[in-house]
Amino acid sequence: MKNTPEIALEAVRNYLNQISELTDTDWNFFSSKLIRRELPKKTIFLPVGTVENHISFIVSGIVRLYIPKSEPSKEITFGFSFKEQFISAYDSFLTRRPSLYELQTLNNTTLLSITYDDLQEVYSTTQIGNLIGRLTAERLFLIKSKREQTLLNYTAEERYLDLFKNRPEVIKEIPLKYISSYIGVTPQALSRIRKRIIPSKL
């Protein structure tokens, strides 16, 4: 079912209320700044070298974070973000410097986004702005930290299982070449891992 604007906004508010209850005044001001974006599958909505100007809430879809290379087979996928998570190249957003990586949709994706200038206004007017910034910063940190920790501490098979243990539904949504890059193995090695794993574990 396609998300209506009202349902999408409700999803954002419910998510934020789990962390800190919002006043109607703060929510109404913040939500008035949100821009709905419908992005087709495989859309690069933040190219490398571009200054990030948005923080976005994923209403539906999957976003890949990766470092592009001249040879696509050598791209480095270092994270994925899913439904009901905030996404941004937040380091670029904060510093106003060009991003060193790209954000790409892996399927049809709906975002609710706020611009840098609008968020500064939210910061100065409400309490919610600091919450959005903190959640986005934490999200980007966890994406990078989790990949680094799993590469150091787990086998490739364990990394594969860990990626999907809480989201088995995404296995069919993410191309294997991105998964293999994320867990640090070749596509051929990933194929061998998949053959060893009992389907009921996935």
N, C-alpha and C. Protein backbone atom coordinates (compact mmCIF):
# COMPACT_ATOMS: atom_id res chain seq x y z
N MET A 1 0.85 -1.19 0.00
CA MET A 1 0.00 0.00 0.00
C MET A 1 0.89 1.24 0.00
N LYS A 2 0.57 2.18 -0.85
CA LYS A 2 1.36 3.40 -0.93
C LYS A 2 1.12 4.26 0.31
N ASN A 3 2.21 4.83 0.83
CA ASN A 3 2.09 5.68 2.01
C ASN A 3 1.46 7.00 1.64
N THR A 4 0.42 7.39 2.38
CA THR A 4 -0.14 8.72 2.20
C THR A 4 0.71 9.68 3.00
N PRO A 5 0.66 11.00 2.68
CA PRO A 5 1.45 11.98 3.45
C PRO A 5 1.15 11.92 4.94
N GLU A 6 -0.12 11.70 5.30
CA GLU A 6 -0.48 11.67 6.72
C GLU A 6 0.15 10.48 7.43
N ILE A 7 0.12 9.31 6.77
CA ILE A 7 0.70 8.12 7.37
C ILE A 7 2.21 8.28 7.51
N ALA A 8 2.83 8.87 6.50
CA ALA A 8 4.28 9.08 6.54
C ALA A 8 4.66 9.99 7.70
N LEU A 9 3.93 11.08 7.88
CA LEU A 9 4.22 12.00 8.98
C LEU A 9 3.99 11.33 10.33
N GLU A 10 2.96 10.52 10.40
CA GLU A 10 2.67 9.82 11.65
C GLU A 10 3.82 8.86 12.00
N ALA A 11 4.40 8.24 10.98
CA ALA A 11 5.52 7.31 11.21
C ALA A 11 6.72 8.05 11.81
N VAL A 12 6.98 9.26 11.31
CA VAL A 12 8.09 10.05 11.85
C VAL A 12 7.80 10.42 13.30
N ARG A 13 6.61 10.91 13.55
CA ARG A 13 6.29 11.35 14.92
C ARG A 13 6.33 10.18 15.90
N ASN A 14 5.79 9.03 15.49
CA ASN A 14 5.81 7.87 16.38
C ASN A 14 7.24 7.45 16.70
N TYR A 15 8.09 7.50 15.69
CA TYR A 15 9.50 7.14 15.89
C TYR A 15 10.16 8.08 16.89
N LEU A 16 9.95 9.37 16.71
CA LEU A 16 10.58 10.36 17.59
C LEU A 16 10.00 10.30 19.00
N ASN A 17 8.70 10.03 19.11
CA ASN A 17 8.07 9.96 20.42
C ASN A 17 8.59 8.80 21.27
N GLN A 18 9.15 7.77 20.60
CA GLN A 18 9.73 6.66 21.35
C GLN A 18 10.98 7.12 22.11
N ILE A 19 11.58 8.21 21.65
CA ILE A 19 12.83 8.69 22.24
C ILE A 19 12.58 9.88 23.16
N SER A 20 11.73 10.78 22.70
CA SER A 20 11.42 11.97 23.51
C SER A 20 10.07 12.51 23.07
N GLU A 21 9.14 12.61 23.99
CA GLU A 21 7.79 13.05 23.64
C GLU A 21 7.81 14.50 23.15
N LEU A 22 7.17 14.71 22.01
CA LEU A 22 7.18 16.02 21.38
C LEU A 22 5.92 16.80 21.73
N THR A 23 6.08 18.09 21.90
CA THR A 23 4.89 18.93 22.06
C THR A 23 4.26 19.13 20.70
N ASP A 24 2.98 19.41 20.68
CA ASP A 24 2.29 19.66 19.41
C ASP A 24 2.89 20.87 18.70
N THR A 25 3.26 21.87 19.46
CA THR A 25 3.82 23.09 18.87
C THR A 25 5.13 22.79 18.15
N ASP A 26 6.03 22.08 18.82
CA ASP A 26 7.31 21.72 18.20
C ASP A 26 7.11 20.84 16.98
N TRP A 27 6.22 19.83 17.13
CA TRP A 27 5.99 18.91 16.02
C TRP A 27 5.41 19.64 14.81
N ASN A 28 4.44 20.49 15.04
CA ASN A 28 3.79 21.19 13.93
C ASN A 28 4.79 22.09 13.19
N PHE A 29 5.67 22.72 13.93
CA PHE A 29 6.67 23.57 13.28
C PHE A 29 7.65 22.72 12.48
N PHE A 30 8.15 21.66 13.10
CA PHE A 30 9.11 20.77 12.42
C PHE A 30 8.48 20.12 11.19
N SER A 31 7.30 19.55 11.35
CA SER A 31 6.68 18.82 10.24
C SER A 31 6.33 19.73 9.07
N SER A 32 6.11 21.02 9.34
CA SER A 32 5.82 21.96 8.25
C SER A 32 7.02 22.17 7.34
N LYS A 33 8.22 21.79 7.82
CA LYS A 33 9.45 21.96 7.05
C LYS A 33 9.81 20.72 6.24
N LEU A 34 9.12 19.62 6.47
CA LEU A 34 9.47 18.37 5.81
C LEU A 34 9.03 18.35 4.35
N ILE A 35 9.90 17.85 3.51
CA ILE A 35 9.65 17.74 2.07
C ILE A 35 9.57 16.25 1.73
N ARG A 36 8.49 15.85 1.08
CA ARG A 36 8.33 14.45 0.67
C ARG A 36 9.04 14.23 -0.66
N ARG A 37 9.87 13.20 -0.72
CA ARG A 37 10.58 12.88 -1.96
C ARG A 37 10.33 11.42 -2.33
N GLU A 38 9.87 11.21 -3.53
CA GLU A 38 9.63 9.87 -4.07
C GLU A 38 10.76 9.57 -5.05
N LEU A 39 11.62 8.62 -4.73
CA LEU A 39 12.79 8.34 -5.54
C LEU A 39 12.70 6.93 -6.14
N PRO A 40 12.89 6.82 -7.45
CA PRO A 40 12.88 5.50 -8.08
C PRO A 40 14.07 4.64 -7.65
N LYS A 41 13.96 3.37 -7.91
CA LYS A 41 15.04 2.43 -7.66
C LYS A 41 16.33 2.87 -8.35
N LYS A 42 17.46 2.70 -7.68
CA LYS A 42 18.80 2.99 -8.21
C LYS A 42 19.05 4.48 -8.44
N THR A 43 18.37 5.32 -7.69
CA THR A 43 18.62 6.77 -7.78
C THR A 43 19.76 7.16 -6.85
N ILE A 44 20.79 7.80 -7.40
CA ILE A 44 21.85 8.38 -6.58
C ILE A 44 21.38 9.78 -6.20
N PHE A 45 20.91 9.93 -4.96
CA PHE A 45 20.35 11.22 -4.58
C PHE A 45 21.34 12.10 -3.81
N LEU A 46 22.54 11.57 -3.58
CA LEU A 46 23.65 12.41 -3.13
C LEU A 46 24.91 11.91 -3.86
N PRO A 47 25.30 12.56 -4.96
CA PRO A 47 26.52 12.15 -5.66
C PRO A 47 27.76 12.56 -4.86
N VAL A 48 28.83 11.81 -5.03
CA VAL A 48 30.09 12.16 -4.39
C VAL A 48 30.52 13.55 -4.88
N GLY A 49 31.12 14.33 -3.98
CA GLY A 49 31.54 15.68 -4.34
C GLY A 49 30.46 16.72 -4.18
N THR A 50 29.28 16.30 -3.72
CA THR A 50 28.16 17.21 -3.49
C THR A 50 28.01 17.48 -2.00
N VAL A 51 27.71 18.70 -1.64
CA VAL A 51 27.46 19.02 -0.23
C VAL A 51 26.06 18.52 0.15
N GLU A 52 26.01 17.73 1.21
CA GLU A 52 24.72 17.22 1.69
C GLU A 52 23.89 18.37 2.24
N ASN A 53 22.66 18.48 1.75
CA ASN A 53 21.79 19.57 2.21
C ASN A 53 20.53 19.07 2.89
N HIS A 54 20.44 17.76 3.16
CA HIS A 54 19.23 17.20 3.75
C HIS A 54 19.54 16.20 4.85
N ILE A 55 18.66 16.15 5.81
CA ILE A 55 18.51 15.00 6.69
C ILE A 55 17.16 14.39 6.33
N SER A 56 17.13 13.08 6.15
CA SER A 56 15.91 12.44 5.66
C SER A 56 15.50 11.27 6.55
N PHE A 57 14.20 11.09 6.67
CA PHE A 57 13.61 9.94 7.34
C PHE A 57 13.10 9.00 6.26
N ILE A 58 13.50 7.73 6.32
CA ILE A 58 13.07 6.77 5.31
C ILE A 58 11.69 6.25 5.68
N VAL A 59 10.70 6.64 4.91
CA VAL A 59 9.34 6.16 5.13
C VAL A 59 9.21 4.74 4.60
N SER A 60 9.81 4.49 3.44
CA SER A 60 9.85 3.14 2.86
C SER A 60 11.06 3.07 1.94
N GLY A 61 11.62 1.87 1.82
CA GLY A 61 12.74 1.69 0.92
C GLY A 61 14.04 1.36 1.64
N ILE A 62 15.10 1.23 0.85
CA ILE A 62 16.44 0.92 1.36
C ILE A 62 17.43 1.85 0.69
N VAL A 63 18.38 2.37 1.47
CA VAL A 63 19.40 3.27 0.95
C VAL A 63 20.78 2.65 1.19
N ARG A 64 21.61 2.71 0.17
CA ARG A 64 22.98 2.21 0.27
C ARG A 64 23.95 3.37 0.41
N LEU A 65 24.94 3.24 1.30
CA LEU A 65 26.01 4.21 1.45
C LEU A 65 27.28 3.56 0.90
N TYR A 66 27.94 4.23 -0.03
CA TYR A 66 29.10 3.59 -0.65
C TYR A 66 30.09 4.62 -1.20
N ILE A 67 31.32 4.15 -1.36
CA ILE A 67 32.38 4.96 -1.96
C ILE A 67 32.54 4.52 -3.41
N PRO A 68 32.26 5.38 -4.36
CA PRO A 68 32.35 4.99 -5.76
C PRO A 68 33.79 4.85 -6.24
N LYS A 69 33.99 4.01 -7.23
CA LYS A 69 35.30 3.82 -7.86
C LYS A 69 35.12 3.88 -9.38
N SER A 70 36.23 4.09 -10.07
CA SER A 70 36.16 4.15 -11.53
C SER A 70 35.69 2.82 -12.11
N GLU A 71 36.03 1.73 -11.43
CA GLU A 71 35.51 0.41 -11.80
C GLU A 71 34.39 0.05 -10.81
N PRO A 72 33.16 -0.05 -11.30
CA PRO A 72 32.02 -0.33 -10.39
C PRO A 72 32.23 -1.56 -9.51
N SER A 73 32.96 -2.55 -10.00
CA SER A 73 33.17 -3.77 -9.22
C SER A 73 34.02 -3.52 -7.98
N LYS A 74 34.69 -2.38 -7.92
CA LYS A 74 35.55 -2.06 -6.79
C LYS A 74 34.92 -1.05 -5.83
N GLU A 75 33.66 -0.70 -6.06
CA GLU A 75 32.97 0.19 -5.12
C GLU A 75 32.95 -0.43 -3.73
N ILE A 76 33.01 0.42 -2.72
CA ILE A 76 33.00 -0.05 -1.33
C ILE A 76 31.68 0.33 -0.68
N THR A 77 30.84 -0.67 -0.48
CA THR A 77 29.58 -0.45 0.24
C THR A 77 29.85 -0.57 1.73
N PHE A 78 29.57 0.48 2.48
CA PHE A 78 29.86 0.41 3.92
C PHE A 78 28.63 0.50 4.81
N GLY A 79 27.45 0.59 4.21
CA GLY A 79 26.27 0.62 5.06
C GLY A 79 24.97 0.62 4.28
N PHE A 80 23.91 0.25 4.98
CA PHE A 80 22.55 0.30 4.46
C PHE A 80 21.66 0.96 5.51
N SER A 81 20.67 1.69 5.06
CA SER A 81 19.66 2.24 5.96
C SER A 81 18.29 1.82 5.46
N PHE A 82 17.41 1.56 6.41
CA PHE A 82 16.13 0.96 6.09
C PHE A 82 14.96 1.83 6.56
N LYS A 83 13.78 1.31 6.35
CA LYS A 83 12.55 1.98 6.75
C LYS A 83 12.61 2.41 8.22
N GLU A 84 12.12 3.63 8.48
CA GLU A 84 12.05 4.20 9.82
C GLU A 84 13.44 4.41 10.43
N GLN A 85 14.37 4.86 9.60
CA GLN A 85 15.68 5.30 10.06
C GLN A 85 16.00 6.63 9.40
N PHE A 86 16.81 7.44 10.08
CA PHE A 86 17.27 8.68 9.47
C PHE A 86 18.51 8.40 8.63
N ILE A 87 18.63 9.15 7.54
CA ILE A 87 19.76 8.98 6.63
C ILE A 87 20.27 10.35 6.18
N SER A 88 21.59 10.46 6.11
CA SER A 88 22.23 11.68 5.63
C SER A 88 23.72 11.41 5.54
N ALA A 89 24.41 12.12 4.65
CA ALA A 89 25.87 12.18 4.73
C ALA A 89 26.15 13.26 5.76
N TYR A 90 25.99 12.90 7.02
CA TYR A 90 25.89 13.90 8.08
C TYR A 90 27.19 14.66 8.30
N ASP A 91 28.32 14.03 8.02
CA ASP A 91 29.58 14.75 8.15
C ASP A 91 29.64 15.90 7.15
N SER A 92 29.16 15.65 5.92
CA SER A 92 29.09 16.71 4.92
C SER A 92 28.03 17.74 5.30
N PHE A 93 26.91 17.28 5.83
CA PHE A 93 25.83 18.17 6.26
C PHE A 93 26.31 19.16 7.30
N LEU A 94 27.11 18.69 8.25
CA LEU A 94 27.59 19.54 9.33
C LEU A 94 28.68 20.50 8.87
N THR A 95 29.64 19.98 8.11
CA THR A 95 30.81 20.79 7.74
C THR A 95 30.57 21.65 6.51
N ARG A 96 29.52 21.35 5.75
CA ARG A 96 29.22 22.02 4.47
C ARG A 96 30.34 21.77 3.46
N ARG A 97 30.99 20.64 3.58
CA ARG A 97 32.02 20.23 2.63
C ARG A 97 31.50 19.09 1.77
N PRO A 98 32.05 18.93 0.55
CA PRO A 98 31.57 17.87 -0.34
C PRO A 98 31.70 16.48 0.29
N SER A 99 30.71 15.66 0.02
CA SER A 99 30.69 14.30 0.55
C SER A 99 31.72 13.43 -0.18
N LEU A 100 32.33 12.52 0.56
CA LEU A 100 33.29 11.58 -0.01
C LEU A 100 32.63 10.27 -0.40
N TYR A 101 31.33 10.16 -0.19
CA TYR A 101 30.61 8.94 -0.55
C TYR A 101 29.23 9.30 -1.10
N GLU A 102 28.52 8.30 -1.58
CA GLU A 102 27.22 8.53 -2.23
C GLU A 102 26.11 7.81 -1.49
N LEU A 103 24.90 8.32 -1.69
CA LEU A 103 23.69 7.69 -1.18
C LEU A 103 22.84 7.28 -2.38
N GLN A 104 22.41 6.03 -2.39
CA GLN A 104 21.65 5.49 -3.52
C GLN A 104 20.48 4.65 -3.03
N THR A 105 19.33 4.82 -3.67
CA THR A 105 18.19 3.96 -3.34
C THR A 105 18.37 2.60 -3.99
N LEU A 106 17.99 1.54 -3.28
CA LEU A 106 18.07 0.20 -3.86
C LEU A 106 16.73 -0.29 -4.35
N ASN A 107 15.67 0.40 -3.96
CA ASN A 107 14.34 0.13 -4.50
C ASN A 107 13.57 1.44 -4.46
N ASN A 108 12.32 1.42 -4.88
CA ASN A 108 11.54 2.65 -4.83
C ASN A 108 11.47 3.12 -3.37
N THR A 109 11.86 4.36 -3.15
CA THR A 109 12.06 4.84 -1.79
C THR A 109 11.32 6.16 -1.57
N THR A 110 10.69 6.28 -0.41
CA THR A 110 10.02 7.52 -0.01
C THR A 110 10.76 8.11 1.18
N LEU A 111 11.14 9.38 1.04
CA LEU A 111 11.84 10.10 2.10
C LEU A 111 11.04 11.31 2.54
N LEU A 112 11.16 11.66 3.80
CA LEU A 112 10.71 12.95 4.30
C LEU A 112 11.97 13.69 4.72
N SER A 113 12.27 14.80 4.07
CA SER A 113 13.56 15.48 4.23
C SER A 113 13.38 16.90 4.74
N ILE A 114 14.41 17.33 5.47
CA ILE A 114 14.48 18.73 5.90
C ILE A 114 15.82 19.29 5.45
N THR A 115 15.81 20.52 4.96
CA THR A 115 17.04 21.13 4.47
C THR A 115 17.89 21.66 5.62
N TYR A 116 19.14 21.93 5.30
CA TYR A 116 20.07 22.48 6.29
C TYR A 116 19.53 23.80 6.87
N ASP A 117 19.12 24.71 5.99
CA ASP A 117 18.64 26.02 6.46
C ASP A 117 17.39 25.89 7.32
N ASP A 118 16.48 25.00 6.90
CA ASP A 118 15.27 24.82 7.69
C ASP A 118 15.57 24.19 9.04
N LEU A 119 16.53 23.27 9.08
CA LEU A 119 16.87 22.66 10.36
C LEU A 119 17.50 23.67 11.30
N GLN A 120 18.27 24.61 10.77
CA GLN A 120 18.83 25.65 11.64
C GLN A 120 17.71 26.46 12.28
N GLU A 121 16.65 26.71 11.52
CA GLU A 121 15.49 27.43 12.07
C GLU A 121 14.79 26.60 13.12
N VAL A 122 14.69 25.29 12.87
CA VAL A 122 14.09 24.40 13.86
C VAL A 122 14.93 24.37 15.13
N TYR A 123 16.26 24.34 14.99
CA TYR A 123 17.15 24.38 16.14
C TYR A 123 16.86 25.60 17.04
N SER A 124 16.70 26.74 16.40
CA SER A 124 16.55 27.98 17.16
C SER A 124 15.14 28.18 17.71
N THR A 125 14.19 27.38 17.23
CA THR A 125 12.79 27.60 17.61
C THR A 125 12.23 26.51 18.51
N THR A 126 12.74 25.28 18.38
CA THR A 126 12.16 24.14 19.09
C THR A 126 13.26 23.30 19.75
N GLN A 127 12.82 22.32 20.52
CA GLN A 127 13.73 21.35 21.11
C GLN A 127 13.99 20.17 20.18
N ILE A 128 13.14 19.99 19.20
CA ILE A 128 13.21 18.80 18.35
C ILE A 128 14.43 18.79 17.45
N GLY A 129 14.93 19.97 17.09
CA GLY A 129 16.06 20.05 16.17
C GLY A 129 17.28 19.31 16.70
N ASN A 130 17.58 19.50 17.98
CA ASN A 130 18.73 18.82 18.58
C ASN A 130 18.55 17.31 18.56
N LEU A 131 17.32 16.85 18.73
CA LEU A 131 17.03 15.42 18.71
C LEU A 131 17.29 14.85 17.32
N ILE A 132 16.82 15.54 16.29
CA ILE A 132 17.03 15.07 14.91
C ILE A 132 18.51 14.99 14.60
N GLY A 133 19.24 16.02 14.95
CA GLY A 133 20.67 16.03 14.70
C GLY A 133 21.38 14.89 15.41
N ARG A 134 21.02 14.67 16.67
CA ARG A 134 21.67 13.61 17.43
C ARG A 134 21.37 12.24 16.85
N LEU A 135 20.12 12.01 16.48
CA LEU A 135 19.74 10.70 15.93
C LEU A 135 20.47 10.43 14.62
N THR A 136 20.59 11.46 13.79
CA THR A 136 21.26 11.29 12.51
C THR A 136 22.75 11.03 12.70
N ALA A 137 23.37 11.78 13.60
CA ALA A 137 24.79 11.58 13.88
C ALA A 137 25.03 10.17 14.42
N GLU A 138 24.17 9.73 15.33
CA GLU A 138 24.32 8.40 15.90
C GLU A 138 24.15 7.33 14.83
N ARG A 139 23.21 7.56 13.92
CA ARG A 139 22.96 6.58 12.86
C ARG A 139 24.18 6.40 11.97
N LEU A 140 24.77 7.51 11.54
CA LEU A 140 25.94 7.43 10.67
C LEU A 140 27.11 6.81 11.41
N PHE A 141 27.30 7.17 12.67
CA PHE A 141 28.38 6.58 13.46
C PHE A 141 28.21 5.07 13.59
N LEU A 142 26.99 4.63 13.87
CA LEU A 142 26.74 3.20 14.05
C LEU A 142 26.96 2.43 12.75
N ILE A 143 26.57 3.02 11.62
CA ILE A 143 26.78 2.37 10.33
C ILE A 143 28.26 2.09 10.11
N LYS A 144 29.07 3.11 10.30
CA LYS A 144 30.51 2.96 10.07
C LYS A 144 31.16 2.08 11.13
N SER A 145 30.81 2.29 12.39
CA SER A 145 31.41 1.53 13.47
C SER A 145 31.07 0.05 13.39
N LYS A 146 29.81 -0.24 13.08
CA LYS A 146 29.37 -1.64 13.02
C LYS A 146 30.13 -2.40 11.95
N ARG A 147 30.30 -1.78 10.79
CA ARG A 147 31.02 -2.47 9.72
C ARG A 147 32.47 -2.70 10.13
N GLU A 148 33.11 -1.70 10.71
CA GLU A 148 34.51 -1.84 11.12
C GLU A 148 34.65 -2.94 12.17
N GLN A 149 33.74 -2.97 13.13
CA GLN A 149 33.82 -3.97 14.20
C GLN A 149 33.58 -5.39 13.66
N THR A 150 32.60 -5.53 12.77
CA THR A 150 32.33 -6.87 12.25
C THR A 150 33.46 -7.37 11.36
N LEU A 151 34.08 -6.47 10.60
CA LEU A 151 35.21 -6.87 9.77
C LEU A 151 36.37 -7.37 10.62
N LEU A 152 36.54 -6.78 11.79
CA LEU A 152 37.65 -7.15 12.67
C LEU A 152 37.36 -8.39 13.50
N ASN A 153 36.10 -8.59 13.88
CA ASN A 153 35.80 -9.60 14.90
C ASN A 153 35.03 -10.83 14.44
N TYR A 154 34.50 -10.81 13.22
CA TYR A 154 33.67 -11.91 12.78
C TYR A 154 34.14 -12.49 11.45
N THR A 155 33.79 -13.75 11.24
CA THR A 155 34.05 -14.36 9.95
C THR A 155 33.09 -13.79 8.92
N ALA A 156 33.38 -14.00 7.65
CA ALA A 156 32.50 -13.50 6.60
C ALA A 156 31.10 -14.09 6.73
N GLU A 157 31.02 -15.37 7.09
CA GLU A 157 29.71 -16.00 7.25
C GLU A 157 28.95 -15.38 8.40
N GLU A 158 29.64 -15.10 9.50
CA GLU A 158 29.00 -14.45 10.64
C GLU A 158 28.55 -13.04 10.29
N ARG A 159 29.34 -12.33 9.50
CA ARG A 159 28.96 -10.98 9.08
C ARG A 159 27.71 -11.02 8.21
N TYR A 160 27.64 -12.02 7.35
CA TYR A 160 26.47 -12.16 6.47
C TYR A 160 25.21 -12.42 7.30
N LEU A 161 25.31 -13.33 8.25
CA LEU A 161 24.15 -13.64 9.08
C LEU A 161 23.76 -12.46 9.97
N ASP A 162 24.77 -11.74 10.47
CA ASP A 162 24.51 -10.60 11.35
C ASP A 162 23.76 -9.50 10.63
N LEU A 163 24.12 -9.28 9.36
CA LEU A 163 23.48 -8.20 8.60
C LEU A 163 21.98 -8.38 8.52
N PHE A 164 21.53 -9.61 8.41
CA PHE A 164 20.11 -9.86 8.15
C PHE A 164 19.34 -10.53 9.28
N LYS A 165 19.98 -10.70 10.43
CA LYS A 165 19.29 -11.45 11.47
C LYS A 165 17.99 -10.77 11.92
N ASN A 166 17.96 -9.44 11.85
CA ASN A 166 16.75 -8.73 12.25
C ASN A 166 15.92 -8.25 11.07
N ARG A 167 16.44 -8.46 9.85
CA ARG A 167 15.72 -7.98 8.67
C ARG A 167 15.80 -9.02 7.55
N PRO A 168 15.27 -10.21 7.77
CA PRO A 168 15.36 -11.26 6.75
C PRO A 168 14.66 -10.88 5.45
N GLU A 169 13.72 -9.96 5.54
CA GLU A 169 12.96 -9.58 4.35
C GLU A 169 13.79 -8.82 3.33
N VAL A 170 14.95 -8.29 3.74
CA VAL A 170 15.72 -7.48 2.80
C VAL A 170 16.67 -8.29 1.94
N ILE A 171 16.81 -9.57 2.23
CA ILE A 171 17.76 -10.39 1.48
C ILE A 171 17.49 -10.30 -0.02
N LYS A 172 16.22 -10.33 -0.39
CA LYS A 172 15.88 -10.29 -1.82
C LYS A 172 15.95 -8.88 -2.40
N GLU A 173 16.09 -7.88 -1.55
CA GLU A 173 16.08 -6.50 -2.01
C GLU A 173 17.47 -5.95 -2.33
N ILE A 174 18.52 -6.54 -1.73
CA ILE A 174 19.87 -6.02 -1.89
C ILE A 174 20.67 -6.92 -2.82
N PRO A 175 21.17 -6.41 -3.94
CA PRO A 175 21.98 -7.22 -4.85
C PRO A 175 23.18 -7.83 -4.13
N LEU A 176 23.52 -9.05 -4.51
CA LEU A 176 24.60 -9.77 -3.84
C LEU A 176 25.94 -9.05 -3.96
N LYS A 177 26.14 -8.32 -5.05
CA LYS A 177 27.43 -7.63 -5.21
C LYS A 177 27.60 -6.55 -4.14
N TYR A 178 26.51 -5.95 -3.67
CA TYR A 178 26.60 -4.95 -2.61
C TYR A 178 26.81 -5.62 -1.26
N ILE A 179 26.16 -6.76 -1.07
CA ILE A 179 26.33 -7.50 0.18
C ILE A 179 27.77 -7.99 0.31
N SER A 180 28.32 -8.52 -0.77
CA SER A 180 29.69 -9.03 -0.71
C SER A 180 30.67 -7.90 -0.41
N SER A 181 30.45 -6.73 -1.00
CA SER A 181 31.30 -5.58 -0.71
C SER A 181 31.18 -5.18 0.75
N TYR A 182 29.98 -5.18 1.26
CA TYR A 182 29.75 -4.77 2.65
C TYR A 182 30.46 -5.69 3.63
N ILE A 183 30.42 -7.00 3.40
CA ILE A 183 31.03 -7.92 4.36
C ILE A 183 32.49 -8.20 4.02
N GLY A 184 32.98 -7.62 2.93
CA GLY A 184 34.40 -7.68 2.64
C GLY A 184 34.88 -8.94 1.97
N VAL A 185 34.04 -9.54 1.11
CA VAL A 185 34.44 -10.73 0.37
C VAL A 185 34.08 -10.55 -1.10
N THR A 186 34.58 -11.45 -1.94
CA THR A 186 34.22 -11.41 -3.35
C THR A 186 32.82 -11.99 -3.54
N PRO A 187 32.15 -11.67 -4.64
CA PRO A 187 30.84 -12.28 -4.90
C PRO A 187 30.91 -13.80 -4.95
N GLN A 188 32.04 -14.34 -5.44
CA GLN A 188 32.18 -15.80 -5.50
C GLN A 188 32.25 -16.40 -4.10
N ALA A 189 32.98 -15.73 -3.20
CA ALA A 189 33.06 -16.22 -1.82
C ALA A 189 31.70 -16.15 -1.14
N LEU A 190 30.94 -15.08 -1.43
CA LEU A 190 29.61 -14.95 -0.84
C LEU A 190 28.70 -16.08 -1.34
N SER A 191 28.81 -16.43 -2.60
CA SER A 191 28.00 -17.52 -3.13
C SER A 191 28.28 -18.82 -2.40
N ARG A 192 29.56 -19.07 -2.09
CA ARG A 192 29.91 -20.29 -1.35
C ARG A 192 29.34 -20.25 0.07
N ILE A 193 29.37 -19.05 0.68
CA ILE A 193 28.80 -18.90 2.03
C ILE A 193 27.30 -19.20 2.00
N ARG A 194 26.64 -18.66 1.03
CA ARG A 194 25.18 -18.85 0.93
C ARG A 194 24.81 -20.32 0.75
N LYS A 195 25.63 -21.04 0.03
CA LYS A 195 25.35 -22.47 -0.19
C LYS A 195 25.50 -23.27 1.08
N ARG A 196 26.35 -22.81 1.99
CA ARG A 196 26.58 -23.54 3.25
C ARG A 196 25.49 -23.27 4.29
N ILE A 197 24.81 -22.17 4.13
CA ILE A 197 23.84 -21.75 5.15
C ILE A 197 22.49 -22.41 4.92
N ILE A 198 21.95 -22.97 5.99
CA ILE A 198 20.62 -23.59 5.90
C ILE A 198 19.61 -22.49 5.65
N PRO A 199 18.71 -22.63 4.67
CA PRO A 199 17.73 -21.59 4.35
C PRO A 199 16.94 -21.08 5.56
N SER A 200 16.69 -21.96 6.51
CA SER A 200 15.88 -21.54 7.66
C SER A 200 16.58 -20.52 8.52
N LYS A 201 17.91 -20.37 8.36
CA LYS A 201 18.63 -19.37 9.13
C LYS A 201 18.48 -17.98 8.55
N LEU A 202 18.05 -17.87 7.31
CA LEU A 202 18.04 -16.59 6.63
C LEU A 202 16.72 -15.86 6.81
